[in-house]
Amino acid sequence: MTRTTLQRPAQTNFAANAQAVNAAAKPQATTEAQPVEEAGVRAHLSKFFDTDRDRRITYPETFSGLRRLGLGRMAAAGAALAINVGLGRTTGGSLTTVNLDGIAKGKHAGDSGIINAEGGFVEEKFDALFRDYAKTYPDALTQDEVIKFRQDNLAKDPKATGADKVAVLGEFGLLFRFGAQQRDGQPVLTRERLFDFYHGDLFQTLAQEHTAKREARAGTFNGWLQNTFNTWIF
């Protein structure tokens, strides 16, 4: 995969050149850790769920993140437990704590391959997903198309177990629950939203959308009922 990096244009004024010369003359610090950009699945987990930035995601952090996305208390409690127990030990964390640095170990059979073993985004696999499965709309996937994609991946992997099948369908089930948009009366995952999901920007957008929807509904009795149900159940 070819990674493209945008570079700033070179400074051409004399003041900038003088600053560059002075900076080059100074000794460079070597003890400070340089910020490392998160990639792939680690990106959205780190940006959204790891609220204290300690490289570990606890059960309360997962629960809180799912609540911010709009899942009710009961559904969030069950989903957070399933996620953290499913990933905790396999990533090198505890029973209910996910270790972000070992997240690649949590890949299951039937995985899409869009995220590689190092946690990086594989553009070719992402393009192939839409080329091979986006038959209804060129820039979006229907729920049936996503299910077929996941089922095909499972069928190609002889190591796939029943637990893998549940994990595969559950992942995109939650993604549809939070991120689907309506098109011609049916929910779809757009290419843009799925791209943001793999690059770590989608969850914050969805949380903001959920807050805006709750505030918009709060002025009516039916809206209050829906908000109450959403708060406690689903």
C-alpha atoms as a PDB file:
ATOM      1  CA  MET A   1       0.000   0.000   0.000  1.00  0.00           C
ATOM      2  CA  THR A   2       1.335   3.452  -0.900  1.00  0.00           C
ATOM      3  CA  ARG A   3       1.032   6.076   1.823  1.00  0.00           C
ATOM      4  CA  THR A   4       0.784   9.686   0.633  1.00  0.00           C
ATOM      5  CA  THR A   5       1.986  12.449   2.940  1.00  0.00           C
ATOM      6  CA  LEU A   6       1.052  16.074   2.365  1.00  0.00           C
ATOM      7  CA  GLN A   7       4.030  18.402   2.883  1.00  0.00           C
ATOM      8  CA  ARG A   8       3.981  22.077   3.764  1.00  0.00           C
ATOM      9  CA  PRO A   9       5.339  24.467   1.076  1.00  0.00           C
ATOM     10  CA  ALA A  10       8.883  25.690   1.770  1.00  0.00           C
ATOM     11  CA  GLN A  11       9.354  29.096   3.416  1.00  0.00           C
ATOM     12  CA  THR A  12      10.856  31.622   1.019  1.00  0.00           C
ATOM     13  CA  ASN A  13      11.193  34.798   3.129  1.00  0.00           C
ATOM     14  CA  PHE A  14      14.446  35.792   4.818  1.00  0.00           C
ATOM     15  CA  ALA A  15      13.007  35.740   8.344  1.00  0.00           C
ATOM     16  CA  ALA A  16      11.930  32.124   7.953  1.00  0.00           C
ATOM     17  CA  ASN A  17      15.335  31.164   6.570  1.00  0.00           C
ATOM     18  CA  ALA A  18      17.084  32.842   9.490  1.00  0.00           C
ATOM     19  CA  GLN A  19      14.900  30.955  11.950  1.00  0.00           C
ATOM     20  CA  ALA A  20      15.734  27.685  10.233  1.00  0.00           C
ATOM     21  CA  VAL A  21      19.467  28.383  10.480  1.00  0.00           C
ATOM     22  CA  ASN A  22      19.214  29.237  14.164  1.00  0.00           C
ATOM     23  CA  ALA A  23      17.160  26.144  14.877  1.00  0.00           C
ATOM     24  CA  ALA A  24      19.660  23.931  13.076  1.00  0.00           C
ATOM     25  CA  ALA A  25      22.466  25.328  15.215  1.00  0.00           C
ATOM     26  CA  LYS A  26      20.757  24.307  18.447  1.00  0.00           C
ATOM     27  CA  PRO A  27      21.226  20.777  19.846  1.00  0.00           C
ATOM     28  CA  GLN A  28      18.178  18.604  19.222  1.00  0.00           C
ATOM     29  CA  ALA A  29      16.443  16.978  22.175  1.00  0.00           C
ATOM     30  CA  THR A  30      16.410  13.204  21.938  1.00  0.00           C
ATOM     31  CA  THR A  31      14.657  12.191  25.147  1.00  0.00           C
ATOM     32  CA  GLU A  32      11.133  13.377  24.350  1.00  0.00           C
ATOM     33  CA  ALA A  33       8.821  10.822  22.791  1.00  0.00           C
ATOM     34  CA  GLN A  34       7.387  11.976  19.502  1.00  0.00           C
ATOM     35  CA  PRO A  35       3.612  11.690  19.021  1.00  0.00           C
ATOM     36  CA  VAL A  36       2.670   8.638  17.002  1.00  0.00           C
ATOM     37  CA  GLU A  37      -0.448   8.726  14.832  1.00  0.00           C
ATOM     38  CA  GLU A  38      -2.818   5.883  15.607  1.00  0.00           C
ATOM     39  CA  ALA A  39      -3.833   3.730  12.667  1.00  0.00           C
ATOM     40  CA  GLY A  40      -6.812   1.578  11.842  1.00  0.00           C
ATOM     41  CA  VAL A  41      -8.859   0.010  14.600  1.00  0.00           C
ATOM     42  CA  ARG A  42      -6.593   1.462  17.303  1.00  0.00           C
ATOM     43  CA  ALA A  43      -7.495   4.944  16.111  1.00  0.00           C
ATOM     44  CA  HIS A  44     -11.177   4.971  17.021  1.00  0.00           C
ATOM     45  CA  LEU A  45     -10.617   2.922  20.165  1.00  0.00           C
ATOM     46  CA  SER A  46      -7.946   5.320  21.364  1.00  0.00           C
ATOM     47  CA  LYS A  47      -9.654   8.562  20.353  1.00  0.00           C
ATOM     48  CA  PHE A  48     -13.128   7.731  21.606  1.00  0.00           C
ATOM     49  CA  PHE A  49     -13.047   4.990  24.248  1.00  0.00           C
ATOM     50  CA  ASP A  50      -9.664   5.405  25.963  1.00  0.00           C
ATOM     51  CA  THR A  51     -10.692   8.542  27.837  1.00  0.00           C
ATOM     52  CA  ASP A  52      -7.730   8.613  30.252  1.00  0.00           C
ATOM     53  CA  ARG A  53      -5.208   7.806  27.473  1.00  0.00           C
ATOM     54  CA  ASP A  54      -3.531   4.996  29.413  1.00  0.00           C
ATOM     55  CA  ARG A  55      -3.555   2.578  26.432  1.00  0.00           C
ATOM     56  CA  ARG A  56      -6.157   0.398  28.164  1.00  0.00           C
ATOM     57  CA  ILE A  57      -9.927   0.411  27.775  1.00  0.00           C
ATOM     58  CA  THR A  58     -11.792  -0.670  30.876  1.00  0.00           C
ATOM     59  CA  TYR A  59     -15.369  -1.930  31.064  1.00  0.00           C
ATOM     60  CA  PRO A  60     -16.647   1.438  32.399  1.00  0.00           C
ATOM     61  CA  GLU A  61     -14.937   3.251  29.506  1.00  0.00           C
ATOM     62  CA  THR A  62     -16.559   0.947  26.933  1.00  0.00           C
ATOM     63  CA  PHE A  63     -19.941   1.309  28.646  1.00  0.00           C
ATOM     64  CA  SER A  64     -19.601   5.101  28.719  1.00  0.00           C
ATOM     65  CA  GLY A  65     -18.584   5.211  25.050  1.00  0.00           C
ATOM     66  CA  LEU A  66     -21.552   3.108  23.955  1.00  0.00           C
ATOM     67  CA  ARG A  67     -23.859   5.342  25.972  1.00  0.00           C
ATOM     68  CA  ARG A  68     -22.456   8.446  24.252  1.00  0.00           C
ATOM     69  CA  LEU A  69     -23.148   6.767  20.920  1.00  0.00           C
ATOM     70  CA  GLY A  70     -26.789   6.323  21.897  1.00  0.00           C
ATOM     71  CA  LEU A  71     -27.098   2.797  23.251  1.00  0.00           C
ATOM     72  CA  GLY A  72     -29.415   2.432  26.259  1.00  0.00           C
ATOM     73  CA  ARG A  73     -28.084   1.475  29.687  1.00  0.00           C
ATOM     74  CA  MET A  74     -29.177  -2.170  29.545  1.00  0.00           C
ATOM     75  CA  ALA A  75     -27.972  -2.756  25.979  1.00  0.00           C
ATOM     76  CA  ALA A  76     -24.709  -0.889  26.631  1.00  0.00           C
ATOM     77  CA  ALA A  77     -24.020  -2.947  29.749  1.00  0.00           C
ATOM     78  CA  GLY A  78     -24.363  -6.217  27.840  1.00  0.00           C
ATOM     79  CA  ALA A  79     -22.492  -5.043  24.742  1.00  0.00           C
ATOM     80  CA  ALA A  80     -19.616  -3.566  26.774  1.00  0.00           C
ATOM     81  CA  LEU A  81     -19.218  -6.812  28.697  1.00  0.00           C
ATOM     82  CA  ALA A  82     -19.183  -8.870  25.481  1.00  0.00           C
ATOM     83  CA  ILE A  83     -16.654  -6.552  23.824  1.00  0.00           C
ATOM     84  CA  ASN A  84     -14.246  -6.355  26.751  1.00  0.00           C
ATOM     85  CA  VAL A  85     -14.402 -10.025  27.684  1.00  0.00           C
ATOM     86  CA  GLY A  86     -13.992 -10.957  24.027  1.00  0.00           C
ATOM     87  CA  LEU A  87     -10.922  -8.757  23.568  1.00  0.00           C
ATOM     88  CA  GLY A  88      -9.445  -8.543  27.066  1.00  0.00           C
ATOM     89  CA  ARG A  89      -7.351 -11.692  27.381  1.00  0.00           C
ATOM     90  CA  THR A  90      -6.575 -11.980  23.662  1.00  0.00           C
ATOM     91  CA  THR A  91      -5.050  -8.482  23.596  1.00  0.00           C
ATOM     92  CA  GLY A  92      -2.919  -9.068  26.679  1.00  0.00           C
ATOM     93  CA  GLY A  93      -5.181  -7.183  29.075  1.00  0.00           C
ATOM     94  CA  SER A  94      -7.232  -8.500  31.977  1.00  0.00           C
ATOM     95  CA  LEU A  95     -10.564 -10.318  31.780  1.00  0.00           C
ATOM     96  CA  THR A  96     -12.516  -7.091  31.217  1.00  0.00           C
ATOM     97  CA  THR A  97      -9.807  -4.640  30.105  1.00  0.00           C
ATOM     98  CA  VAL A  98      -8.645  -4.271  26.488  1.00  0.00           C
ATOM     99  CA  ASN A  99      -4.948  -3.621  25.863  1.00  0.00           C
ATOM    100  CA  LEU A 100      -4.732  -1.231  22.899  1.00  0.00           C
ATOM    101  CA  ASP A 101      -1.141  -2.132  22.059  1.00  0.00           C
ATOM    102  CA  GLY A 102      -2.164  -5.759  21.557  1.00  0.00           C
ATOM    103  CA  ILE A 103      -5.379  -5.096  19.642  1.00  0.00           C
ATOM    104  CA  ALA A 104      -4.061  -6.823  16.505  1.00  0.00           C
ATOM    105  CA  LYS A 105      -4.105 -10.088  18.475  1.00  0.00           C
ATOM    106  CA  GLY A 106      -7.848  -9.723  18.833  1.00  0.00           C
ATOM    107  CA  LYS A 107      -8.510 -10.282  15.127  1.00  0.00           C
ATOM    108  CA  HIS A 108     -10.863 -13.186  14.608  1.00  0.00           C
ATOM    109  CA  ALA A 109     -11.387 -15.679  11.807  1.00  0.00           C
ATOM    110  CA  GLY A 110     -13.278 -14.249   8.862  1.00  0.00           C
ATOM    111  CA  ASP A 111     -11.806 -10.798   9.360  1.00  0.00           C
ATOM    112  CA  SER A 112     -12.162  -8.444   6.385  1.00  0.00           C
ATOM    113  CA  GLY A 113      -8.432  -7.736   6.033  1.00  0.00           C
ATOM    114  CA  ILE A 114      -9.111  -4.003   5.744  1.00  0.00           C
ATOM    115  CA  ILE A 115      -7.018  -3.631   8.887  1.00  0.00           C
ATOM    116  CA  ASN A 116      -3.701  -5.481   8.682  1.00  0.00           C
ATOM    117  CA  ALA A 117      -1.765  -7.290  11.416  1.00  0.00           C
ATOM    118  CA  GLU A 118      -0.079  -4.037  12.477  1.00  0.00           C
ATOM    119  CA  GLY A 119      -3.395  -2.208  12.792  1.00  0.00           C
ATOM    120  CA  GLY A 120      -2.927  -0.234   9.567  1.00  0.00           C
ATOM    121  CA  PHE A 121      -5.561   0.587   6.962  1.00  0.00           C
ATOM    122  CA  VAL A 122      -5.327  -1.423   3.711  1.00  0.00           C
ATOM    123  CA  GLU A 123      -6.792   0.762   0.964  1.00  0.00           C
ATOM    124  CA  GLU A 124      -6.865  -2.029  -1.640  1.00  0.00           C
ATOM    125  CA  LYS A 125      -9.101  -4.187   0.571  1.00  0.00           C
ATOM    126  CA  PHE A 126     -11.379  -1.236   1.271  1.00  0.00           C
ATOM    127  CA  ASP A 127     -11.757  -0.483  -2.445  1.00  0.00           C
ATOM    128  CA  ALA A 128     -12.400  -4.166  -3.167  1.00  0.00           C
ATOM    129  CA  LEU A 129     -15.236  -4.221  -0.624  1.00  0.00           C
ATOM    130  CA  PHE A 130     -17.202  -1.618  -2.574  1.00  0.00           C
ATOM    131  CA  ARG A 131     -16.158  -2.907  -5.991  1.00  0.00           C
ATOM    132  CA  ASP A 132     -17.334  -6.456  -5.249  1.00  0.00           C
ATOM    133  CA  TYR A 133     -20.325  -5.921  -2.960  1.00  0.00           C
ATOM    134  CA  ALA A 134     -21.822  -2.439  -3.470  1.00  0.00           C
ATOM    135  CA  LYS A 135     -24.358  -3.496  -6.102  1.00  0.00           C
ATOM    136  CA  THR A 136     -27.301  -1.276  -5.142  1.00  0.00           C
ATOM    137  CA  TYR A 137     -25.367   1.976  -4.759  1.00  0.00           C
ATOM    138  CA  PRO A 138     -21.761   2.529  -5.867  1.00  0.00           C
ATOM    139  CA  ASP A 139     -20.901   4.498  -2.732  1.00  0.00           C
ATOM    140  CA  ALA A 140     -22.877   2.648  -0.057  1.00  0.00           C
ATOM    141  CA  LEU A 141     -23.578  -0.837   1.278  1.00  0.00           C
ATOM    142  CA  THR A 142     -27.001  -2.153   2.220  1.00  0.00           C
ATOM    143  CA  GLN A 143     -27.404  -4.424   5.222  1.00  0.00           C
ATOM    144  CA  ASP A 144     -27.817  -7.488   2.985  1.00  0.00           C
ATOM    145  CA  GLU A 145     -24.620  -6.619   1.097  1.00  0.00           C
ATOM    146  CA  VAL A 146     -22.654  -6.285   4.328  1.00  0.00           C
ATOM    147  CA  ILE A 147     -23.990  -9.614   5.594  1.00  0.00           C
ATOM    148  CA  LYS A 148     -23.000 -11.314   2.322  1.00  0.00           C
ATOM    149  CA  PHE A 149     -19.518  -9.786   2.542  1.00  0.00           C
ATOM    150  CA  ARG A 150     -19.026 -11.075   6.082  1.00  0.00           C
ATOM    151  CA  GLN A 151     -20.458 -14.505   5.270  1.00  0.00           C
ATOM    152  CA  ASP A 152     -18.150 -14.856   2.263  1.00  0.00           C
ATOM    153  CA  ASN A 153     -15.133 -14.030   4.426  1.00  0.00           C
ATOM    154  CA  LEU A 154     -16.161 -16.622   6.984  1.00  0.00           C
ATOM    155  CA  ALA A 155     -16.668 -19.247   4.279  1.00  0.00           C
ATOM    156  CA  LYS A 156     -13.109 -18.674   3.024  1.00  0.00           C
ATOM    157  CA  ASP A 157     -11.599 -19.199   6.492  1.00  0.00           C
ATOM    158  CA  PRO A 158     -11.502 -22.850   7.621  1.00  0.00           C
ATOM    159  CA  LYS A 159     -10.641 -21.773  11.170  1.00  0.00           C
ATOM    160  CA  ALA A 160     -13.908 -19.885  11.635  1.00  0.00           C
ATOM    161  CA  THR A 161     -15.952 -21.011  14.639  1.00  0.00           C
ATOM    162  CA  GLY A 162     -19.442 -20.233  15.854  1.00  0.00           C
ATOM    163  CA  ALA A 163     -18.016 -17.538  18.117  1.00  0.00           C
ATOM    164  CA  ASP A 164     -16.277 -15.952  15.131  1.00  0.00           C
ATOM    165  CA  LYS A 165     -19.561 -15.823  13.246  1.00  0.00           C
ATOM    166  CA  VAL A 166     -21.281 -14.094  16.149  1.00  0.00           C
ATOM    167  CA  ALA A 167     -18.408 -11.593  16.423  1.00  0.00           C
ATOM    168  CA  VAL A 168     -18.399 -10.852  12.696  1.00  0.00           C
ATOM    169  CA  LEU A 169     -22.126 -10.210  12.460  1.00  0.00           C
ATOM    170  CA  GLY A 170     -22.204  -8.357  15.780  1.00  0.00           C
ATOM    171  CA  GLU A 171     -19.528  -5.871  14.737  1.00  0.00           C
ATOM    172  CA  PHE A 172     -21.385  -4.639  11.684  1.00  0.00           C
ATOM    173  CA  GLY A 173     -24.703  -4.968  13.491  1.00  0.00           C
ATOM    174  CA  LEU A 174     -23.551  -2.345  15.987  1.00  0.00           C
ATOM    175  CA  LEU A 175     -22.077  -0.240  13.200  1.00  0.00           C
ATOM    176  CA  PHE A 176     -25.424  -0.272  11.389  1.00  0.00           C
ATOM    177  CA  ARG A 177     -27.203   0.559  14.653  1.00  0.00           C
ATOM    178  CA  PHE A 178     -25.084   3.659  15.158  1.00  0.00           C
ATOM    179  CA  GLY A 179     -23.874   4.787  11.743  1.00  0.00           C
ATOM    180  CA  ALA A 180     -26.429   3.807   9.101  1.00  0.00           C
ATOM    181  CA  GLN A 181     -28.055   6.519   7.011  1.00  0.00           C
ATOM    182  CA  GLN A 182     -31.359   6.272   5.175  1.00  0.00           C
ATOM    183  CA  ARG A 183     -31.400   6.025   1.399  1.00  0.00           C
ATOM    184  CA  ASP A 184     -34.601   5.207  -0.486  1.00  0.00           C
ATOM    185  CA  GLY A 185     -36.167   3.989   2.739  1.00  0.00           C
ATOM    186  CA  GLN A 186     -33.452   1.546   3.769  1.00  0.00           C
ATOM    187  CA  PRO A 187     -30.398   1.861   6.024  1.00  0.00           C
ATOM    188  CA  VAL A 188     -27.010   1.958   4.295  1.00  0.00           C
ATOM    189  CA  LEU A 189     -23.386   2.373   5.313  1.00  0.00           C
ATOM    190  CA  THR A 190     -21.835   4.967   3.040  1.00  0.00           C
ATOM    191  CA  ARG A 191     -18.270   4.763   1.814  1.00  0.00           C
ATOM    192  CA  GLU A 192     -17.488   8.007   3.628  1.00  0.00           C
ATOM    193  CA  ARG A 193     -18.793   6.748   6.972  1.00  0.00           C
ATOM    194  CA  LEU A 194     -17.003   3.429   6.709  1.00  0.00           C
ATOM    195  CA  PHE A 195     -13.781   5.234   5.790  1.00  0.00           C
ATOM    196  CA  ASP A 196     -14.152   7.440   8.875  1.00  0.00           C
ATOM    197  CA  PHE A 197     -14.802   4.333  10.969  1.00  0.00           C
ATOM    198  CA  TYR A 198     -11.495   2.777   9.955  1.00  0.00           C
ATOM    199  CA  HIS A 199      -9.629   6.065  10.477  1.00  0.00           C
ATOM    200  CA  GLY A 200     -10.975   6.834  13.921  1.00  0.00           C
ATOM    201  CA  ASP A 201     -13.187   9.852  13.229  1.00  0.00           C
ATOM    202  CA  LEU A 202     -16.662   8.312  13.006  1.00  0.00           C
ATOM    203  CA  PHE A 203     -17.539   7.709  16.649  1.00  0.00           C
ATOM    204  CA  GLN A 204     -17.128  11.327  17.716  1.00  0.00           C
ATOM    205  CA  THR A 205     -19.344  12.414  14.808  1.00  0.00           C
ATOM    206  CA  LEU A 206     -22.007   9.866  15.776  1.00  0.00           C
ATOM    207  CA  ALA A 207     -21.938  10.957  19.416  1.00  0.00           C
ATOM    208  CA  GLN A 208     -22.532  14.566  18.371  1.00  0.00           C
ATOM    209  CA  GLU A 209     -25.382  13.506  16.073  1.00  0.00           C
ATOM    210  CA  HIS A 210     -26.977  11.509  18.896  1.00  0.00           C
ATOM    211  CA  THR A 211     -26.833  14.480  21.274  1.00  0.00           C
ATOM    212  CA  ALA A 212     -28.403  16.748  18.656  1.00  0.00           C
ATOM    213  CA  LYS A 213     -31.238  14.267  18.016  1.00  0.00           C
ATOM    214  CA  ARG A 214     -32.011  13.935  21.733  1.00  0.00           C
ATOM    215  CA  GLU A 215     -32.150  17.707  22.124  1.00  0.00           C
ATOM    216  CA  ALA A 216     -34.419  18.048  19.086  1.00  0.00           C
ATOM    217  CA  ARG A 217     -36.832  15.399  20.431  1.00  0.00           C
ATOM    218  CA  ALA A 218     -36.941  16.736  23.974  1.00  0.00           C
ATOM    219  CA  GLY A 219     -39.616  19.349  23.247  1.00  0.00           C
ATOM    220  CA  THR A 220     -42.457  16.857  22.640  1.00  0.00           C
ATOM    221  CA  PHE A 221     -44.075  14.146  24.756  1.00  0.00           C
ATOM    222  CA  ASN A 222     -43.352  11.437  22.174  1.00  0.00           C
ATOM    223  CA  GLY A 223     -39.784  12.650  21.983  1.00  0.00           C
ATOM    224  CA  TRP A 224     -39.487  12.457  25.768  1.00  0.00           C
ATOM    225  CA  LEU A 225     -40.786   8.882  25.693  1.00  0.00           C
ATOM    226  CA  GLN A 226     -38.299   7.927  22.983  1.00  0.00           C
ATOM    227  CA  ASN A 227     -35.434   9.541  24.879  1.00  0.00           C
ATOM    228  CA  THR A 228     -36.426   7.734  28.071  1.00  0.00           C
ATOM    229  CA  PHE A 229     -36.573   4.371  26.301  1.00  0.00           C
ATOM    230  CA  ASN A 230     -33.240   5.081  24.649  1.00  0.00           C
ATOM    231  CA  THR A 231     -31.685   6.018  27.985  1.00  0.00           C
ATOM    232  CA  TRP A 232     -32.633   2.831  29.794  1.00  0.00           C
ATOM    233  CA  ILE A 233     -33.237   0.085  27.237  1.00  0.00           C
ATOM    234  CA  PHE A 234     -31.897   0.412  23.677  1.00  0.00           C
END
